[in-house]
Every structure is written in structure tokens, then in C-alpha cells.
Amino acid sequence: MKRLFSILAIASIMAFGSVNATTYANTSAVASTIVTSIQEENSEAAPAEETQGFHQELKKRFMQGGPAFMGIVLLCLILGLAIAIERIIFLNLSTTNTKKLTQNVEEALKSGGVDAAKEICRNTRGPVASIFYQGLDRIETEGIDAAEKAVVAYGGVQMGQLEKNVSWISLFIAIAPMLGFMGTVIGMIGAFDKIEAAGDMNPSLVAGGIKVALLTTVFGLIVAIILQIFYNYIIAKIDGIVNDMEDASISLVDMMILNKLHK
């Protein structure tokens, strides 16, 4: 009987051990599957996090800088870019092939007279064509001297239209860093106020104010740099058009004098 109980006990222990081993194996398999799926999900989510990282970081830094000053700096950027884009479109539309226009006007004066030349100028866009039209319109009734004065005067009008609203861009270029520096000063004042209230020079008290100060300065300088690039491009474009206007005006006066002499 004792042997029988011993055999049954040994068999029970062996059976329990095999069940535990099977359970452990199944648990290990499930755990490895879960770990693998988590790793796959993390690997798939990593590119998305990297893609959104810059935008999220920019948004976080913007909010840390303080909505008051950062909002004004952002407004300067938006208004400056709007004016810059409008000026660039206008200047590109005002750019014409001055040499071709001068050649066409000269041929029209020789073949069809002043009226044919005025028709060509009327159908051509840009400030150079407008100056040509004003000069040709005066020569018929008032002579060469009046036509030359009209070319010079209308050239100044066209130059004013080219430079319209450009001064606002330079204003925003100057204001944006100033607002950043003002935020710097206010942030430093807040940091010293916290030190005075605490009565102790704790770095954690100063860090927040200094960070706000540096962020406003950085964003102000970034806005100024972006607008400065557009401003320089616009000024260069205006200078090129003005040079074409001056050269074309001289050529027009010479053509009108030659046309008058031939008559």
C-alpha cells in the first residue's frame, strides 16, 4: 500500500511539472509575440514622430516665448510677407522687354507715325510703355521740350508706384528684433523679481525668465532675417526696372528728335 501511494505521488508530481512547463512555454510565446508587436508599432510610429517633431517643437517654443510678444512678432512676419509677395508679383508684371519695345516703337514711328507708336505703347504693359505713351502724346501738340519734361515727370510717378508699400517691409524688419529685445528685457525683469521674492539665488527661478527672453529674441531675429531677404530682392528688382526706364527714356527722346528732323 505504501508503495502504491508513493507511485501515485511521483506520478502526480511529474504530471504537475509537465503542466507547468507547458504553461510557462505558452506564456513565454505570448510574451514574445506581444513584445514583437510593440516593437513593430514603435518602429512604424517613429517616422511619424520625426515628421511631426519640428512642427511640435516650433509650436512648443512659440508658446513658451509668451503669446503676447510672440503673437506681435508673428503678425509682423505675416504682414511683411504679404506686402513682399504683392510687390514681387507687381514688379514681375511690370517687367517688360525694353529693347524689343524700343525697336517696335522706332519702327512704328518710321512707318505709321506717332499714332502707330502710341498704339503699340497702349497695348504693352509696364512702366516703360506708359512713359513712352506720355512722351508721344505730348510731342504731337506741345513739341520736343514738353515731351521730354513729360517723360521725366511721369518717370518719377512710375518710380513711386514701384516703391509703393516697400517702406512697410523695412519697418517690420526694424520692429521685429526690437520686440524680441523688449521681450528679453521683460523676461529678465521677471527673473529678478522671482529672485527678490524668494530671497535666494536658485537657478530654477531664473531659468524660466531667461528662456522666455532668449526665445523672443530668436524669433524676432528670424523674422527680421526672412523679411530682409525679400526686401533686398524687391529693391534689386526696382533698381533694374528704374535703370531700364532711364535708358528707354533717353532712347525715346532721341527717336522723337530724329523723327521730327526727318519730317
C-alpha atoms as a PDB file:
ATOM      1  CA  MET A   1       0.000   0.000   0.000  1.00  0.00           C
ATOM      2  CA  LYS A   2       2.800   2.388   0.835  1.00  0.00           C
ATOM      3  CA  ARG A   3       4.431   1.626  -2.483  1.00  0.00           C
ATOM      4  CA  LEU A   4       1.124   2.361  -4.251  1.00  0.00           C
ATOM      5  CA  PHE A   5       0.843   5.776  -2.557  1.00  0.00           C
ATOM      6  CA  SER A   6       4.462   6.502  -3.412  1.00  0.00           C
ATOM      7  CA  ILE A   7       3.921   5.661  -7.080  1.00  0.00           C
ATOM      8  CA  LEU A   8       0.778   7.861  -7.220  1.00  0.00           C
ATOM      9  CA  ALA A   9       2.620  10.796  -5.579  1.00  0.00           C
ATOM     10  CA  ILE A  10       5.521  10.538  -8.031  1.00  0.00           C
ATOM     11  CA  ALA A  11       3.103  10.392 -10.983  1.00  0.00           C
ATOM     12  CA  SER A  12       1.222  13.464  -9.703  1.00  0.00           C
ATOM     13  CA  ILE A  13       4.430  15.444  -9.306  1.00  0.00           C
ATOM     14  CA  MET A  14       5.555  14.542 -12.829  1.00  0.00           C
ATOM     15  CA  ALA A  15       2.169  15.452 -14.314  1.00  0.00           C
ATOM     16  CA  PHE A  16       2.086  18.817 -12.478  1.00  0.00           C
ATOM     17  CA  GLY A  17       5.610  19.574 -13.620  1.00  0.00           C
ATOM     18  CA  SER A  18       4.751  18.877 -17.266  1.00  0.00           C
ATOM     19  CA  VAL A  19       1.670  21.134 -16.998  1.00  0.00           C
ATOM     20  CA  ASN A  20       3.766  23.918 -15.503  1.00  0.00           C
ATOM     21  CA  ALA A  21       6.354  23.545 -18.237  1.00  0.00           C
ATOM     22  CA  THR A  22       3.667  23.700 -20.904  1.00  0.00           C
ATOM     23  CA  THR A  23       2.086  26.754 -19.284  1.00  0.00           C
ATOM     24  CA  TYR A  24       5.436  28.502 -18.992  1.00  0.00           C
ATOM     25  CA  ALA A  25       6.215  27.762 -22.642  1.00  0.00           C
ATOM     26  CA  ASN A  26       2.834  29.143 -23.742  1.00  0.00           C
ATOM     27  CA  THR A  27       3.287  32.228 -21.560  1.00  0.00           C
ATOM     28  CA  SER A  28       6.749  32.842 -22.978  1.00  0.00           C
ATOM     29  CA  ALA A  29       5.425  32.552 -26.522  1.00  0.00           C
ATOM     30  CA  VAL A  30       2.608  35.021 -25.840  1.00  0.00           C
ATOM     31  CA  ALA A  31       5.013  37.438 -24.168  1.00  0.00           C
ATOM     32  CA  SER A  32       7.446  37.312 -27.070  1.00  0.00           C
ATOM     33  CA  THR A  33       4.575  37.915 -29.513  1.00  0.00           C
ATOM     34  CA  ILE A  34       3.429  40.970 -27.553  1.00  0.00           C
ATOM     35  CA  VAL A  35       6.959  42.360 -27.377  1.00  0.00           C
ATOM     36  CA  THR A  36       7.414  41.849 -31.120  1.00  0.00           C
ATOM     37  CA  SER A  37       4.140  43.630 -31.934  1.00  0.00           C
ATOM     38  CA  ILE A  38       5.039  46.531 -29.651  1.00  0.00           C
ATOM     39  CA  GLN A  39       8.426  46.874 -31.320  1.00  0.00           C
ATOM     40  CA  GLU A  40       6.789  46.876 -34.756  1.00  0.00           C
ATOM     41  CA  GLU A  41       4.316  49.550 -33.683  1.00  0.00           C
ATOM     42  CA  ASN A  42       7.118  51.670 -32.272  1.00  0.00           C
ATOM     43  CA  SER A  43       9.159  51.308 -35.454  1.00  0.00           C
ATOM     44  CA  GLU A  44       6.135  52.366 -37.528  1.00  0.00           C
ATOM     45  CA  ALA A  45       5.348  55.302 -35.261  1.00  0.00           C
ATOM     46  CA  ALA A  46       8.928  56.563 -35.172  1.00  0.00           C
ATOM     47  CA  PRO A  47       8.906  58.178 -38.665  1.00  0.00           C
ATOM     48  CA  ALA A  48       5.602  59.908 -37.887  1.00  0.00           C
ATOM     49  CA  GLU A  49       7.047  61.282 -34.657  1.00  0.00           C
ATOM     50  CA  GLU A  50      10.135  62.504 -36.516  1.00  0.00           C
ATOM     51  CA  THR A  51       7.929  64.139 -39.166  1.00  0.00           C
ATOM     52  CA  GLN A  52       5.844  65.968 -36.580  1.00  0.00           C
ATOM     53  CA  GLY A  53       8.801  66.715 -34.352  1.00  0.00           C
ATOM     54  CA  PHE A  54       9.804  70.028 -35.967  1.00  0.00           C
ATOM     55  CA  HIS A  55       6.273  71.436 -36.017  1.00  0.00           C
ATOM     56  CA  GLN A  56       5.587  70.332 -32.462  1.00  0.00           C
ATOM     57  CA  GLU A  57       8.894  71.765 -31.270  1.00  0.00           C
ATOM     58  CA  LEU A  58       8.251  75.058 -33.044  1.00  0.00           C
ATOM     59  CA  LYS A  59       4.771  75.285 -31.541  1.00  0.00           C
ATOM     60  CA  LYS A  60       6.117  74.478 -28.080  1.00  0.00           C
ATOM     61  CA  ARG A  61       8.848  77.099 -28.303  1.00  0.00           C
ATOM     62  CA  PHE A  62       6.371  79.656 -29.579  1.00  0.00           C
ATOM     63  CA  MET A  63       4.073  79.078 -26.606  1.00  0.00           C
ATOM     64  CA  GLN A  64       6.987  79.161 -24.186  1.00  0.00           C
ATOM     65  CA  GLY A  65       8.034  82.546 -25.523  1.00  0.00           C
ATOM     66  CA  GLY A  66       4.742  84.075 -24.423  1.00  0.00           C
ATOM     67  CA  PRO A  67       1.687  84.663 -26.624  1.00  0.00           C
ATOM     68  CA  ALA A  68       1.816  88.456 -26.194  1.00  0.00           C
ATOM     69  CA  PHE A  69       5.196  89.254 -27.732  1.00  0.00           C
ATOM     70  CA  MET A  70       5.387  86.182 -29.935  1.00  0.00           C
ATOM     71  CA  GLY A  71       1.968  87.000 -31.415  1.00  0.00           C
ATOM     72  CA  ILE A  72       3.083  90.526 -32.320  1.00  0.00           C
ATOM     73  CA  VAL A  73       6.295  89.192 -33.875  1.00  0.00           C
ATOM     74  CA  LEU A  74       4.268  86.664 -35.859  1.00  0.00           C
ATOM     75  CA  LEU A  75       1.945  89.445 -37.029  1.00  0.00           C
ATOM     76  CA  CYS A  76       4.964  91.394 -38.289  1.00  0.00           C
ATOM     77  CA  LEU A  77       6.066  88.334 -40.251  1.00  0.00           C
ATOM     78  CA  ILE A  78       2.628  87.778 -41.801  1.00  0.00           C
ATOM     79  CA  LEU A  79       2.119  91.414 -42.810  1.00  0.00           C
ATOM     80  CA  GLY A  80       5.669  91.747 -44.104  1.00  0.00           C
ATOM     81  CA  LEU A  81       5.389  88.601 -46.220  1.00  0.00           C
ATOM     82  CA  ALA A  82       2.003  89.690 -47.586  1.00  0.00           C
ATOM     83  CA  ILE A  83       3.389  93.050 -48.728  1.00  0.00           C
ATOM     84  CA  ALA A  84       6.556  91.425 -50.088  1.00  0.00           C
ATOM     85  CA  ILE A  85       4.615  88.871 -52.145  1.00  0.00           C
ATOM     86  CA  GLU A  86       2.309  91.589 -53.513  1.00  0.00           C
ATOM     87  CA  ARG A  87       5.304  93.725 -54.510  1.00  0.00           C
ATOM     88  CA  ILE A  88       7.091  90.800 -56.155  1.00  0.00           C
ATOM     89  CA  ILE A  89       4.019  89.960 -58.240  1.00  0.00           C
ATOM     90  CA  PHE A  90       3.576  93.623 -59.224  1.00  0.00           C
ATOM     91  CA  LEU A  91       7.241  94.033 -60.168  1.00  0.00           C
ATOM     92  CA  ASN A  92       7.253  90.859 -62.243  1.00  0.00           C
ATOM     93  CA  LEU A  93       4.191  92.079 -64.109  1.00  0.00           C
ATOM     94  CA  SER A  94       5.894  95.463 -64.621  1.00  0.00           C
ATOM     95  CA  THR A  95       8.979  93.902 -66.192  1.00  0.00           C
ATOM     96  CA  THR A  96       8.999  94.083 -69.987  1.00  0.00           C
ATOM     97  CA  ASN A  97      11.463  93.555 -72.798  1.00  0.00           C
ATOM     98  CA  THR A  98      12.598  97.161 -73.119  1.00  0.00           C
ATOM     99  CA  LYS A  99      14.822  96.599 -76.140  1.00  0.00           C
ATOM    100  CA  LYS A 100      12.028  94.940 -78.094  1.00  0.00           C
ATOM    101  CA  LEU A 101       9.570  97.680 -77.140  1.00  0.00           C
ATOM    102  CA  THR A 102      12.010 100.397 -78.193  1.00  0.00           C
ATOM    103  CA  GLN A 103      12.606  98.667 -81.509  1.00  0.00           C
ATOM    104  CA  ASN A 104       8.869  98.292 -82.166  1.00  0.00           C
ATOM    105  CA  VAL A 105       8.198 101.944 -81.317  1.00  0.00           C
ATOM    106  CA  GLU A 106      11.040 103.081 -83.580  1.00  0.00           C
ATOM    107  CA  GLU A 107       9.708 101.022 -86.488  1.00  0.00           C
ATOM    108  CA  ALA A 108       6.189 102.313 -85.874  1.00  0.00           C
ATOM    109  CA  LEU A 109       7.401 105.925 -85.896  1.00  0.00           C
ATOM    110  CA  LYS A 110       9.111 105.348 -89.244  1.00  0.00           C
ATOM    111  CA  SER A 111       6.209 103.505 -90.863  1.00  0.00           C
ATOM    112  CA  GLY A 112       2.977 104.734 -89.264  1.00  0.00           C
ATOM    113  CA  GLY A 113       3.918 107.833 -87.334  1.00  0.00           C
ATOM    114  CA  VAL A 114       3.156 108.812 -83.768  1.00  0.00           C
ATOM    115  CA  ASP A 115      -0.308 107.239 -83.707  1.00  0.00           C
ATOM    116  CA  ALA A 116       1.059 103.794 -84.595  1.00  0.00           C
ATOM    117  CA  ALA A 117       3.736 104.129 -81.910  1.00  0.00           C
ATOM    118  CA  LYS A 118       1.136 105.169 -79.324  1.00  0.00           C
ATOM    119  CA  GLU A 119      -0.971 102.126 -80.206  1.00  0.00           C
ATOM    120  CA  ILE A 120       1.977  99.829 -79.529  1.00  0.00           C
ATOM    121  CA  CYS A 121       2.581 101.503 -76.149  1.00  0.00           C
ATOM    122  CA  ARG A 122      -1.109 101.267 -75.291  1.00  0.00           C
ATOM    123  CA  ASN A 123      -1.095  97.511 -75.885  1.00  0.00           C
ATOM    124  CA  THR A 124       2.082  96.918 -73.838  1.00  0.00           C
ATOM    125  CA  ARG A 125       2.070  96.652 -70.051  1.00  0.00           C
ATOM    126  CA  GLY A 126       4.675  98.094 -67.731  1.00  0.00           C
ATOM    127  CA  PRO A 127       6.025 101.496 -66.692  1.00  0.00           C
ATOM    128  CA  VAL A 128       8.302 101.869 -69.722  1.00  0.00           C
ATOM    129  CA  ALA A 129       5.365 101.639 -72.118  1.00  0.00           C
ATOM    130  CA  SER A 130       3.429 104.168 -70.027  1.00  0.00           C
ATOM    131  CA  ILE A 131       6.341 106.617 -70.143  1.00  0.00           C
ATOM    132  CA  PHE A 132       6.611 106.159 -73.910  1.00  0.00           C
ATOM    133  CA  TYR A 133       2.919 106.853 -74.328  1.00  0.00           C
ATOM    134  CA  GLN A 134       3.070 110.082 -72.289  1.00  0.00           C
ATOM    135  CA  GLY A 135       6.048 111.344 -74.279  1.00  0.00           C
ATOM    136  CA  LEU A 136       4.484 110.507 -77.649  1.00  0.00           C
ATOM    137  CA  ASP A 137       1.202 112.067 -76.592  1.00  0.00           C
ATOM    138  CA  ARG A 138       2.904 115.400 -75.784  1.00  0.00           C
ATOM    139  CA  ILE A 139       5.073 115.607 -78.877  1.00  0.00           C
ATOM    140  CA  GLU A 140       2.122 115.991 -81.218  1.00  0.00           C
ATOM    141  CA  THR A 141       0.720 119.079 -79.530  1.00  0.00           C
ATOM    142  CA  GLU A 142       3.488 120.664 -77.457  1.00  0.00           C
ATOM    143  CA  GLY A 143       6.791 119.752 -79.107  1.00  0.00           C
ATOM    144  CA  ILE A 144      10.022 118.037 -78.089  1.00  0.00           C
ATOM    145  CA  ASP A 145      10.700 120.042 -74.928  1.00  0.00           C
ATOM    146  CA  ALA A 146       7.277 119.354 -73.455  1.00  0.00           C
ATOM    147  CA  ALA A 147       7.563 115.688 -74.382  1.00  0.00           C
ATOM    148  CA  GLU A 148      10.934 115.416 -72.651  1.00  0.00           C
ATOM    149  CA  LYS A 149       9.565 117.045 -69.496  1.00  0.00           C
ATOM    150  CA  ALA A 150       6.567 114.722 -69.553  1.00  0.00           C
ATOM    151  CA  VAL A 151       8.875 111.692 -69.812  1.00  0.00           C
ATOM    152  CA  VAL A 152      10.906 112.841 -66.809  1.00  0.00           C
ATOM    153  CA  ALA A 153       7.836 113.711 -64.711  1.00  0.00           C
ATOM    154  CA  TYR A 154       5.955 110.521 -65.495  1.00  0.00           C
ATOM    155  CA  GLY A 155       9.105 108.524 -64.822  1.00  0.00           C
ATOM    156  CA  GLY A 156       9.034 109.836 -61.254  1.00  0.00           C
ATOM    157  CA  VAL A 157       5.373 108.830 -60.943  1.00  0.00           C
ATOM    158  CA  GLN A 158       6.142 105.317 -62.124  1.00  0.00           C
ATOM    159  CA  MET A 159       9.067 105.057 -59.720  1.00  0.00           C
ATOM    160  CA  GLY A 160       6.747 105.964 -56.846  1.00  0.00           C
ATOM    161  CA  GLN A 161       4.363 103.199 -57.873  1.00  0.00           C
ATOM    162  CA  LEU A 162       7.203 100.692 -57.962  1.00  0.00           C
ATOM    163  CA  GLU A 163       8.321 101.651 -54.442  1.00  0.00           C
ATOM    164  CA  LYS A 164       4.799 101.669 -53.003  1.00  0.00           C
ATOM    165  CA  ASN A 165       4.499  99.959 -49.563  1.00  0.00           C
ATOM    166  CA  VAL A 166       8.171  98.916 -49.587  1.00  0.00           C
ATOM    167  CA  SER A 167       8.817 101.146 -46.582  1.00  0.00           C
ATOM    168  CA  TRP A 168       6.418  98.986 -44.547  1.00  0.00           C
ATOM    169  CA  ILE A 169       8.677  95.975 -45.069  1.00  0.00           C
ATOM    170  CA  SER A 170      11.664  97.904 -43.734  1.00  0.00           C
ATOM    171  CA  LEU A 171       9.526  98.971 -40.767  1.00  0.00           C
ATOM    172  CA  PHE A 172       8.687  95.356 -39.906  1.00  0.00           C
ATOM    173  CA  ILE A 173      12.355  94.427 -40.290  1.00  0.00           C
ATOM    174  CA  ALA A 174      13.212  97.030 -37.654  1.00  0.00           C
ATOM    175  CA  ILE A 175      10.272  96.301 -35.340  1.00  0.00           C
ATOM    176  CA  ALA A 176      10.622  92.508 -35.092  1.00  0.00           C
ATOM    177  CA  PRO A 177      14.073  92.458 -33.383  1.00  0.00           C
ATOM    178  CA  MET A 178      13.034  95.367 -31.159  1.00  0.00           C
ATOM    179  CA  LEU A 179      10.031  93.405 -29.945  1.00  0.00           C
ATOM    180  CA  GLY A 180      12.325  90.446 -29.331  1.00  0.00           C
ATOM    181  CA  PHE A 181      14.711  92.573 -27.305  1.00  0.00           C
ATOM    182  CA  MET A 182      11.802  94.024 -25.360  1.00  0.00           C
ATOM    183  CA  GLY A 183      10.694  90.501 -24.522  1.00  0.00           C
ATOM    184  CA  THR A 184      14.248  89.802 -23.410  1.00  0.00           C
ATOM    185  CA  VAL A 185      14.237  92.755 -21.046  1.00  0.00           C
ATOM    186  CA  ILE A 186      10.814  91.877 -19.645  1.00  0.00           C
ATOM    187  CA  GLY A 187      11.858  88.254 -19.153  1.00  0.00           C
ATOM    188  CA  MET A 188      14.977  89.292 -17.270  1.00  0.00           C
ATOM    189  CA  ILE A 189      12.962  91.662 -15.091  1.00  0.00           C
ATOM    190  CA  GLY A 190      10.575  88.803 -14.254  1.00  0.00           C
ATOM    191  CA  ALA A 191      13.517  86.555 -13.391  1.00  0.00           C
ATOM    192  CA  PHE A 192      14.974  89.126 -10.990  1.00  0.00           C
ATOM    193  CA  ASP A 193      11.552  89.682  -9.448  1.00  0.00           C
ATOM    194  CA  LYS A 194      11.358  85.970  -8.660  1.00  0.00           C
ATOM    195  CA  ILE A 195      14.834  86.048  -7.117  1.00  0.00           C
ATOM    196  CA  GLU A 196      13.865  89.037  -4.997  1.00  0.00           C
ATOM    197  CA  ALA A 197      10.637  87.375  -3.847  1.00  0.00           C
ATOM    198  CA  ALA A 198      12.386  84.088  -2.981  1.00  0.00           C
ATOM    199  CA  GLY A 199      15.367  85.758  -1.340  1.00  0.00           C
ATOM    200  CA  ASP A 200      17.650  83.089  -2.752  1.00  0.00           C
ATOM    201  CA  MET A 201      19.660  82.677  -5.953  1.00  0.00           C
ATOM    202  CA  ASN A 202      18.048  79.468  -7.177  1.00  0.00           C
ATOM    203  CA  PRO A 203      18.843  78.591 -10.822  1.00  0.00           C
ATOM    204  CA  SER A 204      15.365  77.168 -11.375  1.00  0.00           C
ATOM    205  CA  LEU A 205      13.847  80.570 -10.594  1.00  0.00           C
ATOM    206  CA  VAL A 206      15.981  82.348 -13.184  1.00  0.00           C
ATOM    207  CA  ALA A 207      15.851  79.700 -15.917  1.00  0.00           C
ATOM    208  CA  GLY A 208      12.219  80.321 -16.915  1.00  0.00           C
ATOM    209  CA  GLY A 209      12.622  84.072 -17.356  1.00  0.00           C
ATOM    210  CA  ILE A 210      15.885  83.736 -19.253  1.00  0.00           C
ATOM    211  CA  LYS A 211      14.384  81.123 -21.585  1.00  0.00           C
ATOM    212  CA  VAL A 212      11.458  83.398 -22.417  1.00  0.00           C
ATOM    213  CA  ALA A 213      13.906  86.245 -23.014  1.00  0.00           C
ATOM    214  CA  LEU A 214      16.057  84.222 -25.401  1.00  0.00           C
ATOM    215  CA  LEU A 215      13.087  82.775 -27.311  1.00  0.00           C
ATOM    216  CA  THR A 216      11.582  86.181 -28.051  1.00  0.00           C
ATOM    217  CA  THR A 217      14.955  87.442 -29.257  1.00  0.00           C
ATOM    218  CA  VAL A 218      15.495  84.418 -31.501  1.00  0.00           C
ATOM    219  CA  PHE A 219      12.067  84.638 -33.113  1.00  0.00           C
ATOM    220  CA  GLY A 220      12.430  88.386 -33.648  1.00  0.00           C
ATOM    221  CA  LEU A 221      15.769  87.912 -35.392  1.00  0.00           C
ATOM    222  CA  ILE A 222      14.384  85.084 -37.549  1.00  0.00           C
ATOM    223  CA  VAL A 223      11.510  87.289 -38.721  1.00  0.00           C
ATOM    224  CA  ALA A 224      13.909  90.151 -39.497  1.00  0.00           C
ATOM    225  CA  ILE A 225      16.224  87.857 -41.496  1.00  0.00           C
ATOM    226  CA  ILE A 226      13.368  86.439 -43.582  1.00  0.00           C
ATOM    227  CA  LEU A 227      11.923  89.859 -44.385  1.00  0.00           C
ATOM    228  CA  GLN A 228      15.380  91.287 -45.112  1.00  0.00           C
ATOM    229  CA  ILE A 229      15.910  88.697 -47.854  1.00  0.00           C
ATOM    230  CA  PHE A 230      12.621  89.629 -49.534  1.00  0.00           C
ATOM    231  CA  TYR A 231      13.354  93.349 -49.085  1.00  0.00           C
ATOM    232  CA  ASN A 232      16.738  93.123 -50.785  1.00  0.00           C
ATOM    233  CA  TYR A 233      15.242  91.172 -53.696  1.00  0.00           C
ATOM    234  CA  ILE A 234      12.500  93.795 -54.133  1.00  0.00           C
ATOM    235  CA  ILE A 235      14.982  96.687 -54.029  1.00  0.00           C
ATOM    236  CA  ALA A 236      17.189  94.974 -56.613  1.00  0.00           C
ATOM    237  CA  LYS A 237      14.161  94.385 -58.828  1.00  0.00           C
ATOM    238  CA  ILE A 238      13.113  98.040 -58.550  1.00  0.00           C
ATOM    239  CA  ASP A 239      16.631  99.245 -59.383  1.00  0.00           C
ATOM    240  CA  GLY A 240      16.673  97.088 -62.502  1.00  0.00           C
ATOM    241  CA  ILE A 241      13.320  98.421 -63.710  1.00  0.00           C
ATOM    242  CA  VAL A 242      14.335 102.033 -62.985  1.00  0.00           C
ATOM    243  CA  ASN A 243      17.536 101.599 -64.988  1.00  0.00           C
ATOM    244  CA  ASP A 244      15.523 100.237 -67.907  1.00  0.00           C
ATOM    245  CA  MET A 245      13.155 103.209 -67.605  1.00  0.00           C
ATOM    246  CA  GLU A 246      16.016 105.703 -67.746  1.00  0.00           C
ATOM    247  CA  ASP A 247      17.701 104.042 -70.716  1.00  0.00           C
ATOM    248  CA  ALA A 248      14.397 103.757 -72.562  1.00  0.00           C
ATOM    249  CA  SER A 249      13.539 107.402 -71.864  1.00  0.00           C
ATOM    250  CA  ILE A 250      16.813 108.551 -73.416  1.00  0.00           C
ATOM    251  CA  SER A 251      16.202 106.336 -76.425  1.00  0.00           C
ATOM    252  CA  LEU A 252      12.654 107.697 -76.804  1.00  0.00           C
ATOM    253  CA  VAL A 253      13.833 111.326 -76.782  1.00  0.00           C
ATOM    254  CA  ASP A 254      16.448 110.502 -79.436  1.00  0.00           C
ATOM    255  CA  MET A 255      13.827 108.755 -81.571  1.00  0.00           C
ATOM    256  CA  MET A 256      11.411 111.684 -81.296  1.00  0.00           C
ATOM    257  CA  ILE A 257      14.136 114.154 -82.280  1.00  0.00           C
ATOM    258  CA  LEU A 258      15.135 112.082 -85.310  1.00  0.00           C
ATOM    259  CA  ASN A 259      11.514 111.643 -86.319  1.00  0.00           C
ATOM    260  CA  LYS A 260      10.942 115.410 -86.062  1.00  0.00           C
ATOM    261  CA  LEU A 261      14.030 116.164 -88.125  1.00  0.00           C
ATOM    262  CA  HIS A 262      13.021 113.743 -90.881  1.00  0.00           C
ATOM    263  CA  LYS A 263       9.690 115.487 -91.111  1.00  0.00           C
END
